[in-house]
Amino acid sequence: MRVLIVDDHPMVAEGIQSILESYDDIAVVGSLTDGEEAVSRVAELAPDVILMDLNMPRLGGLGATEIILERSPSTRILILSMHDSPEYISTALSHGAMGYVLKDVPTEEIKDAIDAVMRGERYLCTGAEGSLKPKDSGLREALTGREQTILLELAQGKSNKEVALALDISVRTVETHRKNIKRKLGISSTAGLTRYALQHGVLQGTGVGL
C-alpha cells in the first residue's frame, strides 16, 4: 500500500513514517508539509492512501482533500488531526475523507485505519466516533462537498467572479451554489457565512480570522 503523509509538523510526520515503514505491506511514498504541495504532487507520487493533517499553511487539509478527490477519485484520504469536535469530523467526512483519526491514538490504530479504508470502509477512531452525535446530522440539510468548498472561498471575502476563477467554474454556477448554501444554512449575508465558517471550522488552516 502506497501511503503519503501530509503534515506540517516534522516530528509528527517523522514519527508516523517510522511506524509505517516497519510494516512490510506499506511503502511511504512521501512526506509533504502542506495541502498545496500534496495537490501538485499527488499524480506523481500516486498514493493509495493519504494521511492528511487539517491545519496547514497555504492550503489546509479540507481544501486539499476535495481537490485531490476531484482529480483522483480512487485515492483514499484519512484525516489525522488533534481536533475531536463534531464540526471538524463531519466537515472532513463531507469533503470526501474516508476516515478520521486523532493524533493521540495508539500507533497500531493508524495501521488499522489504513487497512480499513483500503477495504473501502469508513474508519473513525474511538475518540472521533464518540464525538459524532446522531442528532447533529438532522439539524439542517447538509452542504455538498462542492458547496463546502465554495463556502470556504466566499467566507474569505472573495467575490463570485474570484471564486469562479479559483475553481474554474462559471460565475452563474457560483451564484447558484451561493443561493443554495444560504438557503440550507438559513443565512442571508456574506458576513453570516463567514461567522458560520469560523464557528464550524471550515476556515481552519486558511489563516482567516486567526
N, C-alpha and C. Protein backbone atom coordinates (compact mmCIF):
# COMPACT_ATOMS: atom_id res chain seq x y z
N MET A 1 0.86 -1.19 0.00
CA MET A 1 0.00 0.00 0.00
C MET A 1 0.89 1.23 0.00
N ARG A 2 0.66 2.11 -0.95
CA ARG A 2 1.44 3.34 -1.08
C ARG A 2 0.79 4.44 -0.24
N VAL A 3 1.52 4.94 0.75
CA VAL A 3 0.98 5.92 1.69
C VAL A 3 1.75 7.23 1.60
N LEU A 4 1.01 8.33 1.53
CA LEU A 4 1.59 9.67 1.53
C LEU A 4 1.20 10.37 2.83
N ILE A 5 2.18 10.98 3.48
CA ILE A 5 1.92 11.73 4.73
C ILE A 5 1.95 13.22 4.41
N VAL A 6 0.93 13.94 4.83
CA VAL A 6 0.87 15.39 4.62
C VAL A 6 0.62 16.06 5.96
N ASP A 7 1.68 16.63 6.55
CA ASP A 7 1.59 17.22 7.88
C ASP A 7 2.72 18.23 8.03
N ASP A 8 2.40 19.42 8.54
CA ASP A 8 3.43 20.45 8.63
C ASP A 8 4.23 20.39 9.93
N HIS A 9 4.02 19.36 10.74
CA HIS A 9 4.80 19.17 11.96
C HIS A 9 5.82 18.06 11.72
N PRO A 10 7.10 18.41 11.54
CA PRO A 10 8.11 17.41 11.19
C PRO A 10 8.19 16.23 12.16
N MET A 11 8.08 16.50 13.45
CA MET A 11 8.21 15.41 14.43
C MET A 11 7.05 14.42 14.29
N VAL A 12 5.86 14.95 14.03
CA VAL A 12 4.69 14.08 13.85
C VAL A 12 4.86 13.24 12.59
N ALA A 13 5.22 13.91 11.50
CA ALA A 13 5.37 13.22 10.22
C ALA A 13 6.46 12.15 10.29
N GLU A 14 7.59 12.50 10.90
CA GLU A 14 8.70 11.55 11.00
C GLU A 14 8.32 10.35 11.87
N GLY A 15 7.58 10.62 12.95
CA GLY A 15 7.16 9.54 13.83
C GLY A 15 6.22 8.57 13.12
N ILE A 16 5.25 9.12 12.38
CA ILE A 16 4.31 8.27 11.64
C ILE A 16 5.03 7.48 10.56
N GLN A 17 5.94 8.15 9.86
CA GLN A 17 6.68 7.48 8.79
C GLN A 17 7.49 6.31 9.35
N SER A 18 8.13 6.52 10.48
CA SER A 18 8.93 5.47 11.11
C SER A 18 8.07 4.27 11.48
N ILE A 19 6.87 4.55 12.00
CA ILE A 19 5.95 3.47 12.38
C ILE A 19 5.50 2.69 11.15
N LEU A 20 5.07 3.43 10.12
CA LEU A 20 4.52 2.78 8.93
C LEU A 20 5.57 1.97 8.18
N GLU A 21 6.79 2.45 8.18
CA GLU A 21 7.84 1.74 7.45
C GLU A 21 8.23 0.42 8.11
N SER A 22 7.73 0.19 9.33
CA SER A 22 8.00 -1.09 9.99
C SER A 22 7.08 -2.20 9.48
N TYR A 23 6.08 -1.83 8.69
CA TYR A 23 5.15 -2.82 8.13
C TYR A 23 5.58 -3.21 6.72
N ASP A 24 5.60 -4.49 6.47
CA ASP A 24 6.05 -5.00 5.18
C ASP A 24 5.13 -4.63 4.02
N ASP A 25 3.84 -4.41 4.32
CA ASP A 25 2.87 -4.15 3.25
C ASP A 25 2.63 -2.67 3.00
N ILE A 26 3.46 -1.79 3.58
CA ILE A 26 3.30 -0.35 3.40
C ILE A 26 4.58 0.27 2.86
N ALA A 27 4.44 1.11 1.85
CA ALA A 27 5.55 1.90 1.34
C ALA A 27 5.18 3.37 1.48
N VAL A 28 5.94 4.13 2.26
CA VAL A 28 5.70 5.57 2.40
C VAL A 28 6.34 6.26 1.19
N VAL A 29 5.50 6.84 0.33
CA VAL A 29 6.00 7.41 -0.93
C VAL A 29 6.38 8.88 -0.82
N GLY A 30 6.09 9.48 0.34
CA GLY A 30 6.46 10.87 0.51
C GLY A 30 5.94 11.44 1.82
N SER A 31 6.55 12.55 2.25
CA SER A 31 6.10 13.28 3.43
C SER A 31 6.14 14.76 3.09
N LEU A 32 4.96 15.36 2.94
CA LEU A 32 4.84 16.74 2.50
C LEU A 32 4.33 17.62 3.63
N THR A 33 4.51 18.94 3.49
CA THR A 33 4.21 19.84 4.61
C THR A 33 2.97 20.71 4.44
N ASP A 34 2.32 20.67 3.27
CA ASP A 34 1.08 21.45 3.14
C ASP A 34 0.21 20.89 2.02
N GLY A 35 -1.05 21.30 2.02
CA GLY A 35 -2.01 20.78 1.07
C GLY A 35 -1.72 21.16 -0.36
N GLU A 36 -1.16 22.34 -0.57
CA GLU A 36 -0.86 22.78 -1.93
C GLU A 36 0.19 21.86 -2.58
N GLU A 37 1.19 21.48 -1.79
CA GLU A 37 2.22 20.57 -2.29
C GLU A 37 1.62 19.19 -2.57
N ALA A 38 0.70 18.78 -1.71
CA ALA A 38 0.05 17.48 -1.91
C ALA A 38 -0.74 17.47 -3.22
N VAL A 39 -1.48 18.55 -3.47
CA VAL A 39 -2.27 18.64 -4.70
C VAL A 39 -1.37 18.58 -5.93
N SER A 40 -0.24 19.28 -5.88
CA SER A 40 0.64 19.35 -7.04
C SER A 40 1.42 18.05 -7.28
N ARG A 41 1.59 17.23 -6.24
CA ARG A 41 2.45 16.05 -6.40
C ARG A 41 1.70 14.72 -6.32
N VAL A 42 0.39 14.77 -6.12
CA VAL A 42 -0.34 13.52 -5.93
C VAL A 42 -0.28 12.62 -7.17
N ALA A 43 -0.32 13.20 -8.36
CA ALA A 43 -0.27 12.39 -9.58
C ALA A 43 1.09 11.70 -9.71
N GLU A 44 2.13 12.44 -9.36
CA GLU A 44 3.50 11.90 -9.44
C GLU A 44 3.72 10.78 -8.43
N LEU A 45 3.25 10.98 -7.20
CA LEU A 45 3.52 10.02 -6.13
C LEU A 45 2.53 8.84 -6.13
N ALA A 46 1.35 9.06 -6.69
CA ALA A 46 0.33 8.01 -6.85
C ALA A 46 0.07 7.21 -5.57
N PRO A 47 -0.29 7.88 -4.47
CA PRO A 47 -0.55 7.13 -3.23
C PRO A 47 -1.90 6.43 -3.27
N ASP A 48 -1.99 5.31 -2.57
CA ASP A 48 -3.29 4.65 -2.37
C ASP A 48 -4.04 5.35 -1.24
N VAL A 49 -3.28 5.75 -0.21
CA VAL A 49 -3.86 6.38 0.97
C VAL A 49 -3.05 7.62 1.32
N ILE A 50 -3.75 8.70 1.66
CA ILE A 50 -3.08 9.92 2.14
C ILE A 50 -3.49 10.16 3.59
N LEU A 51 -2.49 10.31 4.47
CA LEU A 51 -2.74 10.73 5.84
C LEU A 51 -2.64 12.25 5.84
N MET A 52 -3.75 12.93 6.03
CA MET A 52 -3.84 14.37 5.81
C MET A 52 -4.13 15.13 7.11
N ASP A 53 -3.23 16.05 7.45
CA ASP A 53 -3.49 16.94 8.57
C ASP A 53 -4.52 17.98 8.14
N LEU A 54 -5.20 18.60 9.09
CA LEU A 54 -6.19 19.63 8.75
C LEU A 54 -5.57 21.02 8.69
N ASN A 55 -4.80 21.37 9.71
CA ASN A 55 -4.31 22.74 9.84
C ASN A 55 -2.91 22.86 9.26
N MET A 56 -2.83 23.43 8.05
CA MET A 56 -1.54 23.58 7.39
C MET A 56 -1.48 24.91 6.66
N PRO A 57 -0.27 25.44 6.44
CA PRO A 57 -0.16 26.71 5.70
C PRO A 57 -0.54 26.55 4.23
N ARG A 58 -0.78 27.68 3.61
CA ARG A 58 -1.11 27.78 2.17
C ARG A 58 -2.45 27.13 1.83
N LEU A 59 -2.55 25.83 1.98
CA LEU A 59 -3.82 25.14 1.69
C LEU A 59 -4.03 24.08 2.77
N GLY A 60 -5.14 24.20 3.49
CA GLY A 60 -5.44 23.26 4.56
C GLY A 60 -5.90 21.91 4.05
N GLY A 61 -6.07 20.98 4.98
CA GLY A 61 -6.42 19.62 4.61
C GLY A 61 -7.77 19.46 3.94
N LEU A 62 -8.75 20.28 4.33
CA LEU A 62 -10.09 20.16 3.74
C LEU A 62 -10.07 20.52 2.25
N GLY A 63 -9.47 21.66 1.94
CA GLY A 63 -9.41 22.09 0.55
C GLY A 63 -8.60 21.11 -0.29
N ALA A 64 -7.47 20.65 0.27
CA ALA A 64 -6.63 19.70 -0.46
C ALA A 64 -7.37 18.39 -0.72
N THR A 65 -8.12 17.94 0.28
CA THR A 65 -8.86 16.68 0.14
C THR A 65 -9.83 16.75 -1.03
N GLU A 66 -10.59 17.82 -1.11
CA GLU A 66 -11.59 17.90 -2.18
C GLU A 66 -10.95 18.00 -3.56
N ILE A 67 -9.89 18.80 -3.67
CA ILE A 67 -9.23 18.95 -4.97
C ILE A 67 -8.62 17.62 -5.42
N ILE A 68 -7.96 16.94 -4.49
CA ILE A 68 -7.32 15.66 -4.83
C ILE A 68 -8.37 14.64 -5.26
N LEU A 69 -9.49 14.59 -4.57
CA LEU A 69 -10.52 13.60 -4.91
C LEU A 69 -11.21 13.92 -6.23
N GLU A 70 -11.27 15.19 -6.59
CA GLU A 70 -11.82 15.55 -7.90
C GLU A 70 -10.91 15.04 -9.01
N ARG A 71 -9.60 15.07 -8.76
CA ARG A 71 -8.63 14.66 -9.78
C ARG A 71 -8.33 13.16 -9.72
N SER A 72 -8.42 12.60 -8.52
CA SER A 72 -8.07 11.18 -8.34
C SER A 72 -9.08 10.54 -7.38
N PRO A 73 -10.28 10.23 -7.88
CA PRO A 73 -11.36 9.73 -7.03
C PRO A 73 -11.04 8.44 -6.28
N SER A 74 -10.10 7.65 -6.78
CA SER A 74 -9.80 6.37 -6.12
C SER A 74 -8.86 6.52 -4.93
N THR A 75 -8.26 7.70 -4.75
CA THR A 75 -7.37 7.93 -3.61
C THR A 75 -8.18 7.95 -2.32
N ARG A 76 -7.68 7.28 -1.32
CA ARG A 76 -8.37 7.25 -0.02
C ARG A 76 -7.67 8.21 0.93
N ILE A 77 -8.45 9.09 1.53
CA ILE A 77 -7.85 10.10 2.40
C ILE A 77 -8.31 9.89 3.84
N LEU A 78 -7.31 9.81 4.72
CA LEU A 78 -7.55 9.69 6.16
C LEU A 78 -7.12 11.00 6.80
N ILE A 79 -8.02 11.65 7.50
CA ILE A 79 -7.64 12.87 8.22
C ILE A 79 -6.97 12.47 9.53
N LEU A 80 -5.82 13.06 9.78
CA LEU A 80 -5.08 12.82 11.02
C LEU A 80 -5.00 14.16 11.74
N SER A 81 -5.73 14.30 12.84
CA SER A 81 -5.87 15.61 13.47
C SER A 81 -5.91 15.51 14.99
N MET A 82 -5.64 16.62 15.65
CA MET A 82 -5.77 16.67 17.11
C MET A 82 -7.16 17.17 17.52
N HIS A 83 -7.97 17.60 16.56
CA HIS A 83 -9.29 18.15 16.85
C HIS A 83 -10.35 17.04 16.88
N ASP A 84 -11.10 16.96 17.97
CA ASP A 84 -12.11 15.91 18.08
C ASP A 84 -13.54 16.46 18.11
N SER A 85 -13.72 17.74 17.71
CA SER A 85 -15.06 18.31 17.74
C SER A 85 -15.91 17.74 16.60
N PRO A 86 -17.21 17.58 16.82
CA PRO A 86 -18.09 17.04 15.77
C PRO A 86 -18.03 17.83 14.47
N GLU A 87 -17.86 19.17 14.60
CA GLU A 87 -17.83 20.00 13.40
C GLU A 87 -16.65 19.65 12.50
N TYR A 88 -15.49 19.47 13.11
CA TYR A 88 -14.31 19.10 12.33
C TYR A 88 -14.51 17.76 11.64
N ILE A 89 -15.01 16.79 12.40
CA ILE A 89 -15.13 15.42 11.89
C ILE A 89 -16.16 15.35 10.76
N SER A 90 -17.34 15.92 11.00
CA SER A 90 -18.40 15.85 9.99
C SER A 90 -18.02 16.63 8.74
N THR A 91 -17.34 17.77 8.92
CA THR A 91 -16.91 18.56 7.77
C THR A 91 -15.89 17.79 6.95
N ALA A 92 -14.95 17.13 7.62
CA ALA A 92 -13.94 16.34 6.91
C ALA A 92 -14.59 15.22 6.11
N LEU A 93 -15.55 14.54 6.70
CA LEU A 93 -16.23 13.44 6.01
C LEU A 93 -17.04 13.97 4.82
N SER A 94 -17.64 15.15 5.00
CA SER A 94 -18.44 15.72 3.90
C SER A 94 -17.56 16.14 2.74
N HIS A 95 -16.29 16.39 3.00
CA HIS A 95 -15.35 16.74 1.93
C HIS A 95 -14.80 15.51 1.22
N GLY A 96 -15.18 14.33 1.68
CA GLY A 96 -14.77 13.12 0.97
C GLY A 96 -13.76 12.25 1.69
N ALA A 97 -13.29 12.68 2.88
CA ALA A 97 -12.36 11.84 3.63
C ALA A 97 -13.05 10.53 4.01
N MET A 98 -12.30 9.43 3.97
CA MET A 98 -12.87 8.12 4.31
C MET A 98 -12.67 7.77 5.78
N GLY A 99 -11.90 8.59 6.47
CA GLY A 99 -11.68 8.28 7.87
C GLY A 99 -11.14 9.47 8.63
N TYR A 100 -11.17 9.36 9.95
CA TYR A 100 -10.72 10.45 10.82
C TYR A 100 -10.05 9.81 12.02
N VAL A 101 -8.77 10.12 12.21
CA VAL A 101 -8.00 9.53 13.29
C VAL A 101 -7.35 10.65 14.10
N LEU A 102 -7.49 10.59 15.40
CA LEU A 102 -6.87 11.58 16.27
C LEU A 102 -5.39 11.27 16.44
N LYS A 103 -4.58 12.32 16.59
CA LYS A 103 -3.13 12.13 16.63
C LYS A 103 -2.64 11.41 17.89
N ASP A 104 -3.51 11.32 18.90
CA ASP A 104 -3.06 10.67 20.13
C ASP A 104 -3.46 9.19 20.21
N VAL A 105 -3.90 8.61 19.09
CA VAL A 105 -4.29 7.20 19.12
C VAL A 105 -3.05 6.32 19.22
N PRO A 106 -3.20 5.08 19.70
CA PRO A 106 -2.07 4.14 19.68
C PRO A 106 -1.58 3.96 18.24
N THR A 107 -0.29 3.77 18.09
CA THR A 107 0.30 3.73 16.75
C THR A 107 -0.31 2.64 15.86
N GLU A 108 -0.65 1.50 16.46
CA GLU A 108 -1.20 0.43 15.63
C GLU A 108 -2.57 0.77 15.07
N GLU A 109 -3.26 1.75 15.67
CA GLU A 109 -4.58 2.12 15.16
C GLU A 109 -4.48 2.85 13.82
N ILE A 110 -3.37 3.54 13.59
CA ILE A 110 -3.18 4.18 12.29
C ILE A 110 -3.11 3.12 11.20
N LYS A 111 -2.42 2.03 11.49
CA LYS A 111 -2.35 0.92 10.54
C LYS A 111 -3.74 0.31 10.33
N ASP A 112 -4.50 0.15 11.41
CA ASP A 112 -5.87 -0.38 11.29
C ASP A 112 -6.71 0.51 10.40
N ALA A 113 -6.54 1.83 10.56
CA ALA A 113 -7.32 2.78 9.76
C ALA A 113 -6.96 2.67 8.28
N ILE A 114 -5.67 2.55 7.99
CA ILE A 114 -5.23 2.40 6.60
C ILE A 114 -5.80 1.13 5.99
N ASP A 115 -5.73 0.03 6.74
CA ASP A 115 -6.27 -1.25 6.24
C ASP A 115 -7.78 -1.12 5.96
N ALA A 116 -8.49 -0.44 6.85
CA ALA A 116 -9.95 -0.31 6.70
C ALA A 116 -10.31 0.47 5.45
N VAL A 117 -9.67 1.63 5.24
CA VAL A 117 -10.04 2.43 4.06
C VAL A 117 -9.59 1.74 2.77
N MET A 118 -8.53 0.95 2.84
CA MET A 118 -8.13 0.19 1.65
C MET A 118 -9.17 -0.86 1.29
N ARG A 119 -9.93 -1.33 2.29
CA ARG A 119 -11.03 -2.27 2.04
C ARG A 119 -12.28 -1.54 1.59
N GLY A 120 -12.22 -0.21 1.53
CA GLY A 120 -13.39 0.57 1.13
C GLY A 120 -14.32 0.92 2.27
N GLU A 121 -13.85 0.76 3.51
CA GLU A 121 -14.67 1.03 4.69
C GLU A 121 -14.33 2.40 5.27
N ARG A 122 -15.33 3.05 5.84
CA ARG A 122 -15.07 4.29 6.57
C ARG A 122 -14.48 3.94 7.93
N TYR A 123 -13.53 4.75 8.40
CA TYR A 123 -12.91 4.47 9.69
C TYR A 123 -12.91 5.72 10.56
N LEU A 124 -13.48 5.61 11.75
CA LEU A 124 -13.40 6.66 12.76
C LEU A 124 -12.78 6.05 14.00
N CYS A 125 -11.72 6.68 14.51
CA CYS A 125 -11.14 6.18 15.75
C CYS A 125 -12.16 6.36 16.87
N THR A 126 -11.93 5.71 17.98
CA THR A 126 -12.91 5.71 19.07
C THR A 126 -13.25 7.12 19.53
N GLY A 127 -12.24 7.97 19.68
CA GLY A 127 -12.48 9.34 20.13
C GLY A 127 -13.29 10.14 19.15
N ALA A 128 -13.03 9.95 17.86
CA ALA A 128 -13.78 10.68 16.83
C ALA A 128 -15.21 10.18 16.74
N GLU A 129 -15.38 8.86 16.81
CA GLU A 129 -16.73 8.29 16.71
C GLU A 129 -17.60 8.75 17.86
N GLY A 130 -16.99 8.85 19.05
CA GLY A 130 -17.74 9.28 20.23
C GLY A 130 -18.17 10.73 20.17
N SER A 131 -17.44 11.53 19.38
CA SER A 131 -17.77 12.95 19.26
C SER A 131 -18.93 13.21 18.33
N LEU A 132 -19.20 12.27 17.43
CA LEU A 132 -20.30 12.46 16.47
C LEU A 132 -21.61 12.02 17.11
N LYS A 133 -22.52 12.93 17.26
CA LYS A 133 -23.82 12.61 17.85
C LYS A 133 -24.85 12.47 16.74
N PRO A 134 -25.67 11.43 16.79
CA PRO A 134 -26.67 11.23 15.74
C PRO A 134 -27.56 12.44 15.50
N LYS A 135 -27.85 13.19 16.56
CA LYS A 135 -28.76 14.33 16.40
C LYS A 135 -28.16 15.44 15.54
N ASP A 136 -26.82 15.50 15.46
CA ASP A 136 -26.18 16.57 14.70
C ASP A 136 -26.53 16.52 13.22
N SER A 137 -26.68 15.30 12.70
CA SER A 137 -26.87 15.16 11.26
C SER A 137 -28.23 15.64 10.78
N GLY A 138 -29.19 15.76 11.68
CA GLY A 138 -30.52 16.12 11.23
C GLY A 138 -30.91 17.56 11.48
N LEU A 139 -29.95 18.37 11.92
CA LEU A 139 -30.29 19.75 12.26
C LEU A 139 -30.63 20.58 11.02
N ARG A 140 -29.92 20.33 9.94
CA ARG A 140 -30.16 21.10 8.72
C ARG A 140 -29.74 20.26 7.53
N GLU A 141 -30.20 20.66 6.36
CA GLU A 141 -29.80 19.95 5.14
C GLU A 141 -28.30 20.12 4.94
N ALA A 142 -27.60 19.03 4.76
CA ALA A 142 -26.14 19.07 4.69
C ALA A 142 -25.66 19.74 3.40
N LEU A 143 -24.54 20.45 3.50
CA LEU A 143 -23.91 21.02 2.31
C LEU A 143 -23.16 19.92 1.58
N THR A 144 -23.15 20.00 0.26
CA THR A 144 -22.35 19.06 -0.52
C THR A 144 -20.88 19.45 -0.39
N GLY A 145 -20.01 18.58 -0.86
CA GLY A 145 -18.58 18.88 -0.83
C GLY A 145 -18.25 20.13 -1.62
N ARG A 146 -18.87 20.28 -2.79
CA ARG A 146 -18.62 21.46 -3.62
C ARG A 146 -19.14 22.72 -2.92
N GLU A 147 -20.28 22.62 -2.27
CA GLU A 147 -20.82 23.77 -1.53
C GLU A 147 -19.90 24.16 -0.38
N GLN A 148 -19.32 23.15 0.28
CA GLN A 148 -18.37 23.44 1.35
C GLN A 148 -17.17 24.21 0.80
N THR A 149 -16.68 23.80 -0.36
CA THR A 149 -15.54 24.48 -0.97
C THR A 149 -15.88 25.92 -1.32
N ILE A 150 -17.06 26.13 -1.89
CA ILE A 150 -17.46 27.48 -2.26
C ILE A 150 -17.71 28.33 -1.02
N LEU A 151 -18.27 27.72 0.02
CA LEU A 151 -18.44 28.44 1.30
C LEU A 151 -17.09 28.92 1.81
N LEU A 152 -16.08 28.06 1.72
CA LEU A 152 -14.74 28.42 2.17
C LEU A 152 -14.22 29.63 1.41
N GLU A 153 -14.42 29.64 0.09
CA GLU A 153 -13.96 30.76 -0.73
C GLU A 153 -14.73 32.04 -0.40
N LEU A 154 -16.05 31.94 -0.31
CA LEU A 154 -16.88 33.11 -0.04
C LEU A 154 -16.58 33.69 1.34
N ALA A 155 -16.34 32.81 2.31
CA ALA A 155 -16.11 33.25 3.68
C ALA A 155 -14.79 34.00 3.82
N GLN A 156 -13.91 33.83 2.83
CA GLN A 156 -12.65 34.59 2.83
C GLN A 156 -12.81 35.94 2.15
N GLY A 157 -14.06 36.29 1.81
CA GLY A 157 -14.34 37.60 1.26
C GLY A 157 -14.21 37.70 -0.25
N LYS A 158 -14.10 36.56 -0.92
CA LYS A 158 -13.95 36.59 -2.37
C LYS A 158 -15.30 36.85 -3.06
N SER A 159 -15.24 37.53 -4.20
CA SER A 159 -16.45 37.78 -4.98
C SER A 159 -16.82 36.53 -5.77
N ASN A 160 -18.03 36.53 -6.34
CA ASN A 160 -18.45 35.40 -7.17
C ASN A 160 -17.47 35.18 -8.31
N LYS A 161 -17.00 36.27 -8.91
CA LYS A 161 -16.07 36.16 -10.05
C LYS A 161 -14.74 35.55 -9.60
N GLU A 162 -14.26 35.98 -8.43
CA GLU A 162 -12.98 35.45 -7.92
C GLU A 162 -13.10 33.97 -7.59
N VAL A 163 -14.24 33.58 -7.04
CA VAL A 163 -14.46 32.17 -6.73
C VAL A 163 -14.51 31.36 -8.02
N ALA A 164 -15.21 31.89 -9.01
CA ALA A 164 -15.32 31.19 -10.30
C ALA A 164 -13.94 30.97 -10.92
N LEU A 165 -13.09 31.98 -10.85
CA LEU A 165 -11.74 31.86 -11.41
C LEU A 165 -10.92 30.84 -10.63
N ALA A 166 -11.04 30.89 -9.30
CA ALA A 166 -10.26 29.99 -8.45
C ALA A 166 -10.63 28.53 -8.67
N LEU A 167 -11.91 28.27 -8.92
CA LEU A 167 -12.39 26.89 -9.04
C LEU A 167 -12.62 26.46 -10.48
N ASP A 168 -12.36 27.39 -11.41
CA ASP A 168 -12.51 27.11 -12.84
C ASP A 168 -13.94 26.69 -13.18
N ILE A 169 -14.90 27.46 -12.68
CA ILE A 169 -16.31 27.24 -12.99
C ILE A 169 -16.92 28.58 -13.37
N SER A 170 -18.16 28.57 -13.85
CA SER A 170 -18.78 29.83 -14.29
C SER A 170 -19.30 30.63 -13.11
N VAL A 171 -19.42 31.95 -13.32
CA VAL A 171 -19.96 32.83 -12.28
C VAL A 171 -21.39 32.41 -11.95
N ARG A 172 -22.15 32.02 -12.96
CA ARG A 172 -23.54 31.60 -12.74
C ARG A 172 -23.60 30.37 -11.82
N THR A 173 -22.66 29.45 -12.02
CA THR A 173 -22.61 28.27 -11.15
C THR A 173 -22.33 28.67 -9.71
N VAL A 174 -21.41 29.60 -9.52
CA VAL A 174 -21.10 30.09 -8.17
C VAL A 174 -22.34 30.72 -7.55
N GLU A 175 -23.05 31.54 -8.33
CA GLU A 175 -24.25 32.20 -7.83
C GLU A 175 -25.30 31.18 -7.39
N THR A 176 -25.47 30.12 -8.18
CA THR A 176 -26.43 29.07 -7.83
C THR A 176 -26.04 28.39 -6.53
N HIS A 177 -24.75 28.02 -6.41
CA HIS A 177 -24.28 27.39 -5.19
C HIS A 177 -24.46 28.32 -3.99
N ARG A 178 -24.18 29.60 -4.20
CA ARG A 178 -24.28 30.59 -3.12
C ARG A 178 -25.71 30.65 -2.59
N LYS A 179 -26.68 30.66 -3.51
CA LYS A 179 -28.09 30.69 -3.09
C LYS A 179 -28.45 29.43 -2.31
N ASN A 180 -27.97 28.28 -2.79
CA ASN A 180 -28.28 27.01 -2.11
C ASN A 180 -27.65 26.96 -0.73
N ILE A 181 -26.42 27.47 -0.61
CA ILE A 181 -25.74 27.48 0.69
C ILE A 181 -26.52 28.34 1.68
N LYS A 182 -26.92 29.53 1.25
CA LYS A 182 -27.66 30.43 2.14
C LYS A 182 -29.00 29.82 2.54
N ARG A 183 -29.65 29.17 1.58
CA ARG A 183 -30.94 28.54 1.89
C ARG A 183 -30.77 27.42 2.91
N LYS A 184 -29.79 26.56 2.68
CA LYS A 184 -29.58 25.42 3.58
C LYS A 184 -29.19 25.85 4.99
N LEU A 185 -28.38 26.92 5.08
CA LEU A 185 -27.89 27.35 6.39
C LEU A 185 -28.80 28.39 7.03
N GLY A 186 -29.75 28.90 6.27
CA GLY A 186 -30.62 29.93 6.81
C GLY A 186 -29.88 31.23 7.07
N ILE A 187 -28.93 31.54 6.19
CA ILE A 187 -28.09 32.73 6.34
C ILE A 187 -28.29 33.63 5.14
N SER A 188 -28.43 34.92 5.38
CA SER A 188 -28.75 35.83 4.27
C SER A 188 -27.58 36.72 3.84
N SER A 189 -26.52 36.82 4.65
CA SER A 189 -25.44 37.74 4.32
C SER A 189 -24.09 37.03 4.23
N THR A 190 -23.15 37.68 3.54
CA THR A 190 -21.79 37.14 3.44
C THR A 190 -21.13 37.13 4.82
N ALA A 191 -21.39 38.15 5.62
CA ALA A 191 -20.84 38.19 6.97
C ALA A 191 -21.33 36.99 7.78
N GLY A 192 -22.58 36.62 7.56
CA GLY A 192 -23.14 35.46 8.25
C GLY A 192 -22.47 34.18 7.82
N LEU A 193 -22.16 34.08 6.53
CA LEU A 193 -21.44 32.91 6.02
C LEU A 193 -20.06 32.81 6.66
N THR A 194 -19.39 33.96 6.80
CA THR A 194 -18.06 33.97 7.42
C THR A 194 -18.14 33.52 8.87
N ARG A 195 -19.14 34.02 9.60
CA ARG A 195 -19.30 33.61 11.00
C ARG A 195 -19.55 32.11 11.10
N TYR A 196 -20.41 31.61 10.23
CA TYR A 196 -20.72 30.18 10.24
C TYR A 196 -19.44 29.37 9.98
N ALA A 197 -18.66 29.80 8.98
CA ALA A 197 -17.44 29.08 8.60
C ALA A 197 -16.44 29.06 9.75
N LEU A 198 -16.31 30.18 10.45
CA LEU A 198 -15.40 30.24 11.60
C LEU A 198 -15.87 29.34 12.74
N GLN A 199 -17.17 29.38 13.02
CA GLN A 199 -17.72 28.60 14.13
C GLN A 199 -17.66 27.11 13.88
N HIS A 200 -17.69 26.70 12.61
CA HIS A 200 -17.73 25.27 12.30
C HIS A 200 -16.42 24.73 11.74
N GLY A 201 -15.35 25.51 11.87
CA GLY A 201 -14.03 25.00 11.49
C GLY A 201 -13.76 24.96 10.01
N VAL A 202 -14.66 25.53 9.19
CA VAL A 202 -14.47 25.48 7.74
C VAL A 202 -13.24 26.28 7.33
N LEU A 203 -12.96 27.37 8.06
CA LEU A 203 -11.83 28.22 7.71
C LEU A 203 -10.54 27.76 8.37
N GLN A 204 -10.58 26.69 9.13
CA GLN A 204 -9.39 26.25 9.83
C GLN A 204 -8.27 25.94 8.84
N GLY A 205 -7.11 26.47 9.09
CA GLY A 205 -5.98 26.20 8.22
C GLY A 205 -5.79 27.23 7.12
N THR A 206 -6.71 28.20 7.02
CA THR A 206 -6.57 29.22 5.99
C THR A 206 -5.93 30.48 6.52
N GLY A 207 -5.90 30.63 7.84
CA GLY A 207 -5.35 31.84 8.44
C GLY A 207 -6.38 32.93 8.59
N VAL A 208 -7.60 32.72 8.10
CA VAL A 208 -8.65 33.74 8.19
C VAL A 208 -9.19 33.80 9.61
N GLY A 209 -9.28 35.00 10.14
CA GLY A 209 -9.88 35.20 11.45
C GLY A 209 -9.00 34.77 12.60
N LEU A 210 -7.70 34.45 12.33
CA LEU A 210 -6.82 33.99 13.39
C LEU A 210 -5.88 35.11 13.80
